[in-house]
PDB file of N, CA and C in Angstrom:
ATOM      1  N   MET A   1      13.266  25.647-132.145  1.00  0.00           N
ATOM      2  CA  MET A   1      12.489  26.234-131.097  1.00  0.00           C
ATOM      3  C   MET A   1      13.243  26.034-129.783  1.00  0.00           C
ATOM      4  N   ALA A   2      13.371  27.106-128.991  1.00  0.00           N
ATOM      5  CA  ALA A   2      14.062  27.035-127.710  1.00  0.00           C
ATOM      6  C   ALA A   2      13.089  26.566-126.629  1.00  0.00           C
ATOM      7  N   LEU A   3      13.579  25.752-125.722  1.00  0.00           N
ATOM      8  CA  LEU A   3      12.765  25.294-124.608  1.00  0.00           C
ATOM      9  C   LEU A   3      12.970  26.231-123.427  1.00  0.00           C
ATOM     10  N   TYR A   4      11.891  26.471-122.683  1.00  0.00           N
ATOM     11  CA  TYR A   4      11.972  27.310-121.482  1.00  0.00           C
ATOM     12  C   TYR A   4      12.667  26.530-120.384  1.00  0.00           C
ATOM     13  N   ASN A   5      13.669  27.117-119.809  1.00  0.00           N
ATOM     14  CA  ASN A   5      14.437  26.474-118.751  1.00  0.00           C
ATOM     15  C   ASN A   5      14.531  27.440-117.571  1.00  0.00           C
ATOM     16  N   PRO A   6      13.595  27.373-116.614  1.00  0.00           N
ATOM     17  CA  PRO A   6      13.631  28.304-115.490  1.00  0.00           C
ATOM     18  C   PRO A   6      14.844  28.040-114.601  1.00  0.00           C
ATOM     19  N   ALA A   7      15.359  29.110-114.036  1.00  0.00           N
ATOM     20  CA  ALA A   7      16.474  28.972-113.093  1.00  0.00           C
ATOM     21  C   ALA A   7      15.960  28.299-111.828  1.00  0.00           C
ATOM     22  N   THR A   8      16.796  27.545-111.205  1.00  0.00           N
ATOM     23  CA  THR A   8      16.395  26.898-109.972  1.00  0.00           C
ATOM     24  C   THR A   8      16.647  27.848-108.808  1.00  0.00           C
ATOM     25  N   ALA A   9      15.826  27.726-107.819  1.00  0.00           N
ATOM     26  CA  ALA A   9      15.956  28.559-106.622  1.00  0.00           C
ATOM     27  C   ALA A   9      15.902  27.661-105.400  1.00  0.00           C
ATOM     28  N   THR A  10      16.631  28.039-104.388  1.00  0.00           N
ATOM     29  CA  THR A  10      16.602  27.318-103.132  1.00  0.00           C
ATOM     30  C   THR A  10      15.712  28.085-102.171  1.00  0.00           C
ATOM     31  N   VAL A  11      14.756  27.387-101.577  1.00  0.00           N
ATOM     32  CA  VAL A  11      13.847  27.997-100.621  1.00  0.00           C
ATOM     33  C   VAL A  11      14.138  27.403 -99.250  1.00  0.00           C
ATOM     34  N   THR A  12      14.389  28.279 -98.298  1.00  0.00           N
ATOM     35  CA  THR A  12      14.626  27.844 -96.930  1.00  0.00           C
ATOM     36  C   THR A  12      13.437  28.289 -96.083  1.00  0.00           C
ATOM     37  N   GLU A  13      12.717  27.341 -95.536  1.00  0.00           N
ATOM     38  CA  GLU A  13      11.562  27.669 -94.710  1.00  0.00           C
ATOM     39  C   GLU A  13      12.002  27.967 -93.290  1.00  0.00           C
ATOM     40  N   SER A  14      11.352  28.957 -92.698  1.00  0.00           N
ATOM     41  CA  SER A  14      11.616  29.299 -91.309  1.00  0.00           C
ATOM     42  C   SER A  14      10.925  28.274 -90.422  1.00  0.00           C
ATOM     43  N   THR A  15      11.632  27.746 -89.456  1.00  0.00           N
ATOM     44  CA  THR A  15      11.052  26.773 -88.547  1.00  0.00           C
ATOM     45  C   THR A  15      11.167  27.267 -87.116  1.00  0.00           C
ATOM     46  N   SER A  16      10.393  26.682 -86.253  1.00  0.00           N
ATOM     47  CA  SER A  16      10.391  27.048 -84.841  1.00  0.00           C
ATOM     48  C   SER A  16      10.411  25.785 -84.007  1.00  0.00           C
ATOM     49  N   ASP A  17      11.165  25.819 -82.921  1.00  0.00           N
ATOM     50  CA  ASP A  17      11.160  24.692 -82.000  1.00  0.00           C
ATOM     51  C   ASP A  17      10.755  25.121 -80.596  1.00  0.00           C
ATOM     52  N   THR A  18      10.268  26.372 -80.484  1.00  0.00           N
ATOM     53  CA  THR A  18       9.882  26.895 -79.184  1.00  0.00           C
ATOM     54  C   THR A  18       8.519  27.569 -79.270  1.00  0.00           C
ATOM     55  N   SER A  19       7.621  27.211 -78.352  1.00  0.00           N
ATOM     56  CA  SER A  19       6.315  27.841 -78.236  1.00  0.00           C
ATOM     57  C   SER A  19       6.216  28.451 -76.845  1.00  0.00           C
ATOM     58  N   ILE A  20       5.966  29.748 -76.796  1.00  0.00           N
ATOM     59  CA  ILE A  20       5.876  30.448 -75.515  1.00  0.00           C
ATOM     60  C   ILE A  20       4.406  30.772 -75.249  1.00  0.00           C
ATOM     61  N   PRO A  21       3.786  30.075 -74.278  1.00  0.00           N
ATOM     62  CA  PRO A  21       2.371  30.335 -73.993  1.00  0.00           C
ATOM     63  C   PRO A  21       2.203  31.499 -73.019  1.00  0.00           C
ATOM     64  N   THR A  22       1.200  32.324 -73.270  1.00  0.00           N
ATOM     65  CA  THR A  22       0.820  33.388 -72.338  1.00  0.00           C
ATOM     66  C   THR A  22      -0.692  33.484 -72.297  1.00  0.00           C
ATOM     67  N   THR A  23      -1.206  34.001 -71.209  1.00  0.00           N
ATOM     68  CA  THR A  23      -2.630  34.256 -71.056  1.00  0.00           C
ATOM     69  C   THR A  23      -2.808  35.741 -70.817  1.00  0.00           C
ATOM     70  N   VAL A  24      -3.696  36.356 -71.583  1.00  0.00           N
ATOM     71  CA  VAL A  24      -3.978  37.786 -71.456  1.00  0.00           C
ATOM     72  C   VAL A  24      -5.417  37.926 -70.981  1.00  0.00           C
ATOM     73  N   ALA A  25      -5.600  38.565 -69.817  1.00  0.00           N
ATOM     74  CA  ALA A  25      -6.948  38.770 -69.290  1.00  0.00           C
ATOM     75  C   ALA A  25      -7.728  39.723 -70.188  1.00  0.00           C
ATOM     76  N   SER A  26      -9.001  39.404 -70.427  1.00  0.00           N
ATOM     77  CA  SER A  26      -9.828  40.267 -71.266  1.00  0.00           C
ATOM     78  C   SER A  26      -9.983  41.635 -70.604  1.00  0.00           C
ATOM     79  N   SER A  27     -10.171  42.652 -71.450  1.00  0.00           N
ATOM     80  CA  SER A  27     -10.270  44.019 -70.971  1.00  0.00           C
ATOM     81  C   SER A  27     -11.090  44.843 -71.955  1.00  0.00           C
ATOM     82  N   VAL A  28     -11.837  45.810 -71.453  1.00  0.00           N
ATOM     83  CA  VAL A  28     -12.592  46.709 -72.321  1.00  0.00           C
ATOM     84  C   VAL A  28     -11.772  47.946 -72.682  1.00  0.00           C
ATOM     85  N   THR A  29     -10.502  47.952 -72.262  1.00  0.00           N
ATOM     86  CA  THR A  29      -9.542  48.949 -72.725  1.00  0.00           C
ATOM     87  C   THR A  29      -8.419  48.197 -73.443  1.00  0.00           C
ATOM     88  N   SER A  30      -7.755  48.867 -74.347  1.00  0.00           N
ATOM     89  CA  SER A  30      -6.720  48.217 -75.163  1.00  0.00           C
ATOM     90  C   SER A  30      -5.587  47.681 -74.300  1.00  0.00           C
ATOM     91  N   VAL A  31      -5.195  46.429 -74.569  1.00  0.00           N
ATOM     92  CA  VAL A  31      -4.086  45.783 -73.866  1.00  0.00           C
ATOM     93  C   VAL A  31      -3.130  45.175 -74.884  1.00  0.00           C
ATOM     94  N   THR A  32      -1.893  44.954 -74.467  1.00  0.00           N
ATOM     95  CA  THR A  32      -0.919  44.302 -75.333  1.00  0.00           C
ATOM     96  C   THR A  32      -1.154  42.800 -75.313  1.00  0.00           C
ATOM     97  N   ILE A  33      -1.364  42.221 -76.490  1.00  0.00           N
ATOM     98  CA  ILE A  33      -1.497  40.773 -76.632  1.00  0.00           C
ATOM     99  C   ILE A  33      -0.103  40.168 -76.790  1.00  0.00           C
ATOM    100  N   LEU A  34       0.714  40.768 -77.658  1.00  0.00           N
ATOM    101  CA  LEU A  34       2.110  40.364 -77.851  1.00  0.00           C
ATOM    102  C   LEU A  34       2.962  41.608 -78.049  1.00  0.00           C
ATOM    103  N   ALA A  35       4.070  41.666 -77.342  1.00  0.00           N
ATOM    104  CA  ALA A  35       5.033  42.752 -77.542  1.00  0.00           C
ATOM    105  C   ALA A  35       5.783  42.515 -78.852  1.00  0.00           C
ATOM    106  N   SER A  36       6.352  43.553 -79.380  1.00  0.00           N
ATOM    107  CA  SER A  36       7.177  43.433 -80.574  1.00  0.00           C
ATOM    108  C   SER A  36       8.313  42.455 -80.297  1.00  0.00           C
ATOM    109  N   ASN A  37       8.615  41.576 -81.253  1.00  0.00           N
ATOM    110  CA  ASN A  37       9.666  40.579 -81.062  1.00  0.00           C
ATOM    111  C   ASN A  37      10.258  40.222 -82.418  1.00  0.00           C
ATOM    112  N   SER A  38      11.479  40.682 -82.676  1.00  0.00           N
ATOM    113  CA  SER A  38      12.118  40.427 -83.970  1.00  0.00           C
ATOM    114  C   SER A  38      12.441  38.950 -84.176  1.00  0.00           C
ATOM    115  N   ASN A  39      12.388  38.141 -83.127  1.00  0.00           N
ATOM    116  CA  ASN A  39      12.647  36.701 -83.245  1.00  0.00           C
ATOM    117  C   ASN A  39      11.383  35.884 -83.482  1.00  0.00           C
ATOM    118  N   ARG A  40      10.217  36.536 -83.510  1.00  0.00           N
ATOM    119  CA  ARG A  40       8.957  35.816 -83.699  1.00  0.00           C
ATOM    120  C   ARG A  40       8.884  35.214 -85.100  1.00  0.00           C
ATOM    121  N   LYS A  41       8.523  33.936 -85.139  1.00  0.00           N
ATOM    122  CA  LYS A  41       8.330  33.256 -86.422  1.00  0.00           C
ATOM    123  C   LYS A  41       6.864  33.007 -86.700  1.00  0.00           C
ATOM    124  N   GLY A  42       6.047  33.133 -85.684  1.00  0.00           N
ATOM    125  CA  GLY A  42       4.615  32.945 -85.830  1.00  0.00           C
ATOM    126  C   GLY A  42       3.941  33.105 -84.487  1.00  0.00           C
ATOM    127  N   ALA A  43       2.617  33.135 -84.492  1.00  0.00           N
ATOM    128  CA  ALA A  43       1.861  33.228 -83.248  1.00  0.00           C
ATOM    129  C   ALA A  43       0.417  32.834 -83.511  1.00  0.00           C
ATOM    130  N   THR A  44      -0.238  32.361 -82.458  1.00  0.00           N
ATOM    131  CA  THR A  44      -1.657  32.052 -82.519  1.00  0.00           C
ATOM    132  C   THR A  44      -2.352  32.731 -81.348  1.00  0.00           C
ATOM    133  N   ILE A  45      -3.620  33.079 -81.565  1.00  0.00           N
ATOM    134  CA  ILE A  45      -4.427  33.701 -80.510  1.00  0.00           C
ATOM    135  C   ILE A  45      -5.776  32.988 -80.509  1.00  0.00           C
ATOM    136  N   TRP A  46      -6.188  32.539 -79.348  1.00  0.00           N
ATOM    137  CA  TRP A  46      -7.499  31.925 -79.181  1.00  0.00           C
ATOM    138  C   TRP A  46      -8.295  32.783 -78.220  1.00  0.00           C
ATOM    139  N   ASN A  47      -9.483  33.200 -78.608  1.00  0.00           N
ATOM    140  CA  ASN A  47     -10.350  34.015 -77.764  1.00  0.00           C
ATOM    141  C   ASN A  47     -11.172  33.100 -76.859  1.00  0.00           C
ATOM    142  N   ASP A  48     -10.675  32.887 -75.648  1.00  0.00           N
ATOM    143  CA  ASP A  48     -11.345  32.042 -74.660  1.00  0.00           C
ATOM    144  C   ASP A  48     -12.270  32.926 -73.819  1.00  0.00           C
ATOM    145  N   SER A  49     -13.248  33.518 -74.476  1.00  0.00           N
ATOM    146  CA  SER A  49     -14.178  34.459 -73.863  1.00  0.00           C
ATOM    147  C   SER A  49     -15.506  34.345 -74.586  1.00  0.00           C
ATOM    148  N   THR A  50     -16.580  34.812 -73.947  1.00  0.00           N
ATOM    149  CA  THR A  50     -17.875  34.867 -74.623  1.00  0.00           C
ATOM    150  C   THR A  50     -18.054  36.188 -75.360  1.00  0.00           C
ATOM    151  N   ALA A  51     -17.110  37.115 -75.197  1.00  0.00           N
ATOM    152  CA  ALA A  51     -17.164  38.423 -75.853  1.00  0.00           C
ATOM    153  C   ALA A  51     -16.282  38.425 -77.097  1.00  0.00           C
ATOM    154  N   ASN A  52     -16.535  39.352 -77.996  1.00  0.00           N
ATOM    155  CA  ASN A  52     -15.684  39.508 -79.176  1.00  0.00           C
ATOM    156  C   ASN A  52     -14.340  40.116 -78.789  1.00  0.00           C
ATOM    157  N   LEU A  53     -13.290  39.654 -79.452  1.00  0.00           N
ATOM    158  CA  LEU A  53     -11.940  40.194 -79.279  1.00  0.00           C
ATOM    159  C   LEU A  53     -11.536  40.870 -80.581  1.00  0.00           C
ATOM    160  N   PHE A  54     -11.153  42.136 -80.484  1.00  0.00           N
ATOM    161  CA  PHE A  54     -10.702  42.901 -81.643  1.00  0.00           C
ATOM    162  C   PHE A  54      -9.185  43.019 -81.558  1.00  0.00           C
ATOM    163  N   ILE A  55      -8.481  42.495 -82.557  1.00  0.00           N
ATOM    164  CA  ILE A  55      -7.017  42.475 -82.586  1.00  0.00           C
ATOM    165  C   ILE A  55      -6.527  43.561 -83.531  1.00  0.00           C
ATOM    166  N   GLU A  56      -5.490  44.258 -83.122  1.00  0.00           N
ATOM    167  CA  GLU A  56      -4.886  45.297 -83.957  1.00  0.00           C
ATOM    168  C   GLU A  56      -3.374  45.080 -84.056  1.00  0.00           C
ATOM    169  N   PHE A  57      -2.830  45.202 -85.266  1.00  0.00           N
ATOM    170  CA  PHE A  57      -1.386  45.195 -85.453  1.00  0.00           C
ATOM    171  C   PHE A  57      -0.911  46.609 -85.180  1.00  0.00           C
ATOM    172  N   GLY A  58      -0.551  46.870 -83.952  1.00  0.00           N
ATOM    173  CA  GLY A  58      -0.143  48.197 -83.513  1.00  0.00           C
ATOM    174  C   GLY A  58      -0.388  48.326 -82.022  1.00  0.00           C
ATOM    175  N   ALA A  59      -0.103  49.510 -81.488  1.00  0.00           N
ATOM    176  CA  ALA A  59      -0.111  49.724 -80.052  1.00  0.00           C
ATOM    177  C   ALA A  59      -1.500  49.850 -79.441  1.00  0.00           C
ATOM    178  N   THR A  60      -2.522  50.241 -80.222  1.00  0.00           N
ATOM    179  CA  THR A  60      -3.835  50.485 -79.639  1.00  0.00           C
ATOM    180  C   THR A  60      -4.936  49.871 -80.494  1.00  0.00           C
ATOM    181  N   ALA A  61      -5.706  48.985 -79.889  1.00  0.00           N
ATOM    182  CA  ALA A  61      -6.862  48.395 -80.558  1.00  0.00           C
ATOM    183  C   ALA A  61      -8.117  49.132 -80.122  1.00  0.00           C
ATOM    184  N   THR A  62      -9.065  49.271 -81.033  1.00  0.00           N
ATOM    185  CA  THR A  62     -10.390  49.784 -80.697  1.00  0.00           C
ATOM    186  C   THR A  62     -11.417  48.871 -81.347  1.00  0.00           C
ATOM    187  N   THR A  63     -12.666  49.018 -80.937  1.00  0.00           N
ATOM    188  CA  THR A  63     -13.722  48.197 -81.520  1.00  0.00           C
ATOM    189  C   THR A  63     -14.141  48.714 -82.891  1.00  0.00           C
ATOM    190  N   SER A  64     -13.579  49.849 -83.314  1.00  0.00           N
ATOM    191  CA  SER A  64     -13.905  50.377 -84.640  1.00  0.00           C
ATOM    192  C   SER A  64     -12.712  50.397 -85.594  1.00  0.00           C
ATOM    193  N   ALA A  65     -11.499  50.238 -85.072  1.00  0.00           N
ATOM    194  CA  ALA A  65     -10.291  50.193 -85.909  1.00  0.00           C
ATOM    195  C   ALA A  65      -9.462  48.994 -85.456  1.00  0.00           C
ATOM    196  N   PHE A  66      -9.481  47.928 -86.264  1.00  0.00           N
ATOM    197  CA  PHE A  66      -8.827  46.684 -85.864  1.00  0.00           C
ATOM    198  C   PHE A  66      -8.428  45.893 -87.097  1.00  0.00           C
ATOM    199  N   THR A  67      -7.537  44.922 -86.886  1.00  0.00           N
ATOM    200  CA  THR A  67      -7.070  44.050 -87.959  1.00  0.00           C
ATOM    201  C   THR A  67      -7.983  42.849 -88.125  1.00  0.00           C
ATOM    202  N   ALA A  68      -8.408  42.248 -87.021  1.00  0.00           N
ATOM    203  CA  ALA A  68      -9.257  41.057 -87.070  1.00  0.00           C
ATOM    204  C   ALA A  68     -10.188  41.043 -85.869  1.00  0.00           C
ATOM    205  N   LYS A  69     -11.381  40.505 -86.083  1.00  0.00           N
ATOM    206  CA  LYS A  69     -12.377  40.357 -85.015  1.00  0.00           C
ATOM    207  C   LYS A  69     -12.563  38.873 -84.751  1.00  0.00           C
ATOM    208  N   LEU A  70     -12.310  38.472 -83.502  1.00  0.00           N
ATOM    209  CA  LEU A  70     -12.488  37.069 -83.121  1.00  0.00           C
ATOM    210  C   LEU A  70     -13.740  36.942 -82.272  1.00  0.00           C
ATOM    211  N   SER A  71     -14.679  36.142 -82.721  1.00  0.00           N
ATOM    212  CA  SER A  71     -15.874  35.843 -81.939  1.00  0.00           C
ATOM    213  C   SER A  71     -15.483  34.927 -80.783  1.00  0.00           C
ATOM    214  N   ALA A  72     -16.439  34.635 -79.914  1.00  0.00           N
ATOM    215  CA  ALA A  72     -16.197  33.699 -78.813  1.00  0.00           C
ATOM    216  C   ALA A  72     -15.625  32.403 -79.374  1.00  0.00           C
ATOM    217  N   ASP A  73     -14.588  31.879 -78.745  1.00  0.00           N
ATOM    218  CA  ASP A  73     -13.881  30.671 -79.174  1.00  0.00           C
ATOM    219  C   ASP A  73     -13.206  30.822 -80.528  1.00  0.00           C
ATOM    220  N   GLY A  74     -13.016  32.057 -80.985  1.00  0.00           N
ATOM    221  CA  GLY A  74     -12.350  32.289 -82.260  1.00  0.00           C
ATOM    222  C   GLY A  74     -10.850  32.061 -82.165  1.00  0.00           C
ATOM    223  N   TYR A  75     -10.260  31.709 -83.291  1.00  0.00           N
ATOM    224  CA  TYR A  75      -8.831  31.381 -83.385  1.00  0.00           C
ATOM    225  C   TYR A  75      -8.219  32.196 -84.507  1.00  0.00           C
ATOM    226  N   TYR A  76      -6.987  32.687 -84.300  1.00  0.00           N
ATOM    227  CA  TYR A  76      -6.323  33.515 -85.299  1.00  0.00           C
ATOM    228  C   TYR A  76      -4.851  33.138 -85.381  1.00  0.00           C
ATOM    229  N   GLU A  77      -4.338  33.036 -86.593  1.00  0.00           N
ATOM    230  CA  GLU A  77      -2.914  32.812 -86.809  1.00  0.00           C
ATOM    231  C   GLU A  77      -2.313  34.105 -87.348  1.00  0.00           C
ATOM    232  N   VAL A  78      -1.312  34.607 -86.668  1.00  0.00           N
ATOM    233  CA  VAL A  78      -0.644  35.840 -87.073  1.00  0.00           C
ATOM    234  C   VAL A  78       0.089  35.578 -88.385  1.00  0.00           C
ATOM    235  N   PRO A  79      -0.048  36.483 -89.354  1.00  0.00           N
ATOM    236  CA  PRO A  79       0.627  36.279 -90.634  1.00  0.00           C
ATOM    237  C   PRO A  79       2.139  36.112 -90.479  1.00  0.00           C
ATOM    238  N   PHE A  80       2.667  35.232 -91.301  1.00  0.00           N
ATOM    239  CA  PHE A  80       4.092  34.926 -91.312  1.00  0.00           C
ATOM    240  C   PHE A  80       4.916  36.206 -91.431  1.00  0.00           C
ATOM    241  N   HIS A  81       5.931  36.322 -90.643  1.00  0.00           N
ATOM    242  CA  HIS A  81       6.901  37.427 -90.646  1.00  0.00           C
ATOM    243  C   HIS A  81       6.423  38.698 -89.948  1.00  0.00           C
ATOM    244  N   TYR A  82       5.208  38.757 -89.367  1.00  0.00           N
ATOM    245  CA  TYR A  82       4.815  39.951 -88.626  1.00  0.00           C
ATOM    246  C   TYR A  82       5.433  39.866 -87.238  1.00  0.00           C
ATOM    247  N   THR A  83       6.291  40.821 -86.898  1.00  0.00           N
ATOM    248  CA  THR A  83       7.012  40.790 -85.622  1.00  0.00           C
ATOM    249  C   THR A  83       6.684  41.982 -84.727  1.00  0.00           C
ATOM    250  N   GLY A  84       5.772  42.843 -85.162  1.00  0.00           N
ATOM    251  CA  GLY A  84       5.434  44.033 -84.387  1.00  0.00           C
ATOM    252  C   GLY A  84       4.489  43.744 -83.237  1.00  0.00           C
ATOM    253  N   VAL A  85       4.152  44.807 -82.510  1.00  0.00           N
ATOM    254  CA  VAL A  85       3.255  44.703 -81.365  1.00  0.00           C
ATOM    255  C   VAL A  85       1.844  44.364 -81.848  1.00  0.00           C
ATOM    256  N   ILE A  86       1.138  43.563 -81.052  1.00  0.00           N
ATOM    257  CA  ILE A  86      -0.256  43.212 -81.314  1.00  0.00           C
ATOM    258  C   ILE A  86      -1.053  43.577 -80.073  1.00  0.00           C
ATOM    259  N   SER A  87      -2.090  44.366 -80.262  1.00  0.00           N
ATOM    260  CA  SER A  87      -2.935  44.766 -79.132  1.00  0.00           C
ATOM    261  C   SER A  87      -4.334  44.197 -79.323  1.00  0.00           C
ATOM    262  N   GLY A  88      -5.127  44.241 -78.263  1.00  0.00           N
ATOM    263  CA  GLY A  88      -6.480  43.726 -78.334  1.00  0.00           C
ATOM    264  C   GLY A  88      -7.403  44.426 -77.370  1.00  0.00           C
ATOM    265  N   ILE A  89      -8.684  44.360 -77.670  1.00  0.00           N
ATOM    266  CA  ILE A  89      -9.727  44.898 -76.796  1.00  0.00           C
ATOM    267  C   ILE A  89     -10.952  44.006 -76.946  1.00  0.00           C
ATOM    268  N   TRP A  90     -11.621  43.721 -75.848  1.00  0.00           N
ATOM    269  CA  TRP A  90     -12.818  42.885 -75.868  1.00  0.00           C
ATOM    270  C   TRP A  90     -14.067  43.750 -75.774  1.00  0.00           C
ATOM    271  N   SER A  91     -15.184  43.241 -76.263  1.00  0.00           N
ATOM    272  CA  SER A  91     -16.447  43.966 -76.155  1.00  0.00           C
ATOM    273  C   SER A  91     -17.024  43.885 -74.740  1.00  0.00           C
ATOM    274  N   ALA A  92     -16.546  42.945 -73.936  1.00  0.00           N
ATOM    275  CA  ALA A  92     -16.889  42.817 -72.521  1.00  0.00           C
ATOM    276  C   ALA A  92     -15.740  42.088 -71.839  1.00  0.00           C
ATOM    277  N   ALA A  93     -15.519  42.389 -70.577  1.00  0.00           N
ATOM    278  CA  ALA A  93     -14.397  41.774 -69.856  1.00  0.00           C
ATOM    279  C   ALA A  93     -14.829  40.468 -69.206  1.00  0.00           C
ATOM    280  N   ASN A  94     -14.598  39.362 -69.910  1.00  0.00           N
ATOM    281  CA  ASN A  94     -14.781  38.027 -69.334  1.00  0.00           C
ATOM    282  C   ASN A  94     -13.916  37.062 -70.134  1.00  0.00           C
ATOM    283  N   GLY A  95     -13.255  36.188 -69.453  1.00  0.00           N
ATOM    284  CA  GLY A  95     -12.387  35.228 -70.130  1.00  0.00           C
ATOM    285  C   GLY A  95     -10.998  35.784 -70.400  1.00  0.00           C
ATOM    286  N   ASN A  96     -10.309  35.125 -71.340  1.00  0.00           N
ATOM    287  CA  ASN A  96      -8.911  35.438 -71.624  1.00  0.00           C
ATOM    288  C   ASN A  96      -8.593  35.270 -73.098  1.00  0.00           C
ATOM    289  N   GLY A  97      -7.446  35.776 -73.471  1.00  0.00           N
ATOM    290  CA  GLY A  97      -6.839  35.461 -74.744  1.00  0.00           C
ATOM    291  C   GLY A  97      -5.719  34.472 -74.476  1.00  0.00           C
ATOM    292  N   LEU A  98      -5.727  33.338 -75.139  1.00  0.00           N
ATOM    293  CA  LEU A  98      -4.675  32.341 -74.968  1.00  0.00           C
ATOM    294  C   LEU A  98      -3.742  32.458 -76.172  1.00  0.00           C
ATOM    295  N   VAL A  99      -2.501  32.793 -75.893  1.00  0.00           N
ATOM    296  CA  VAL A  99      -1.553  33.165 -76.943  1.00  0.00           C
ATOM    297  C   VAL A  99      -0.380  32.188 -76.960  1.00  0.00           C
ATOM    298  N   ARG A 100       0.061  31.843 -78.147  1.00  0.00           N
ATOM    299  CA  ARG A 100       1.281  31.041 -78.325  1.00  0.00           C
ATOM    300  C   ARG A 100       2.163  31.783 -79.304  1.00  0.00           C
ATOM    301  N   GLU A 101       3.364  32.146 -78.850  1.00  0.00           N
ATOM    302  CA  GLU A 101       4.324  32.800 -79.729  1.00  0.00           C
ATOM    303  C   GLU A 101       5.401  31.797 -80.097  1.00  0.00           C
ATOM    304  N   LEU A 102       5.657  31.658 -81.386  1.00  0.00           N
ATOM    305  CA  LEU A 102       6.655  30.713 -81.883  1.00  0.00           C
ATOM    306  C   LEU A 102       7.939  31.473 -82.194  1.00  0.00           C
ATOM    307  N   THR A 103       9.029  31.014 -81.592  1.00  0.00           N
ATOM    308  CA  THR A 103      10.315  31.683 -81.801  1.00  0.00           C
ATOM    309  C   THR A 103      11.348  30.677 -82.249  1.00  0.00           C
TER     310      THR A 103
END
């Protein structure tokens, strides 16, 4: 009987040593949360507002077409390897989006 011998693989994890903080003022019209960045390794978004924040992976966010909805004090981690533009729109203009981009 032959024994199963899987091939070995080397996995290199992407790491970051830089965090770039930005603050995005809430808006009832679509705004850019993060510009496209091919060097992005990750990002976080915290909704520091009492209104809902609708995040879209693309140039224009709406309250009916979005990737994720963050309630007040909601937190979101951008999926690994997404480097495109991220936009957002709030249900009311109060507070900010606190963003950290890891490069």
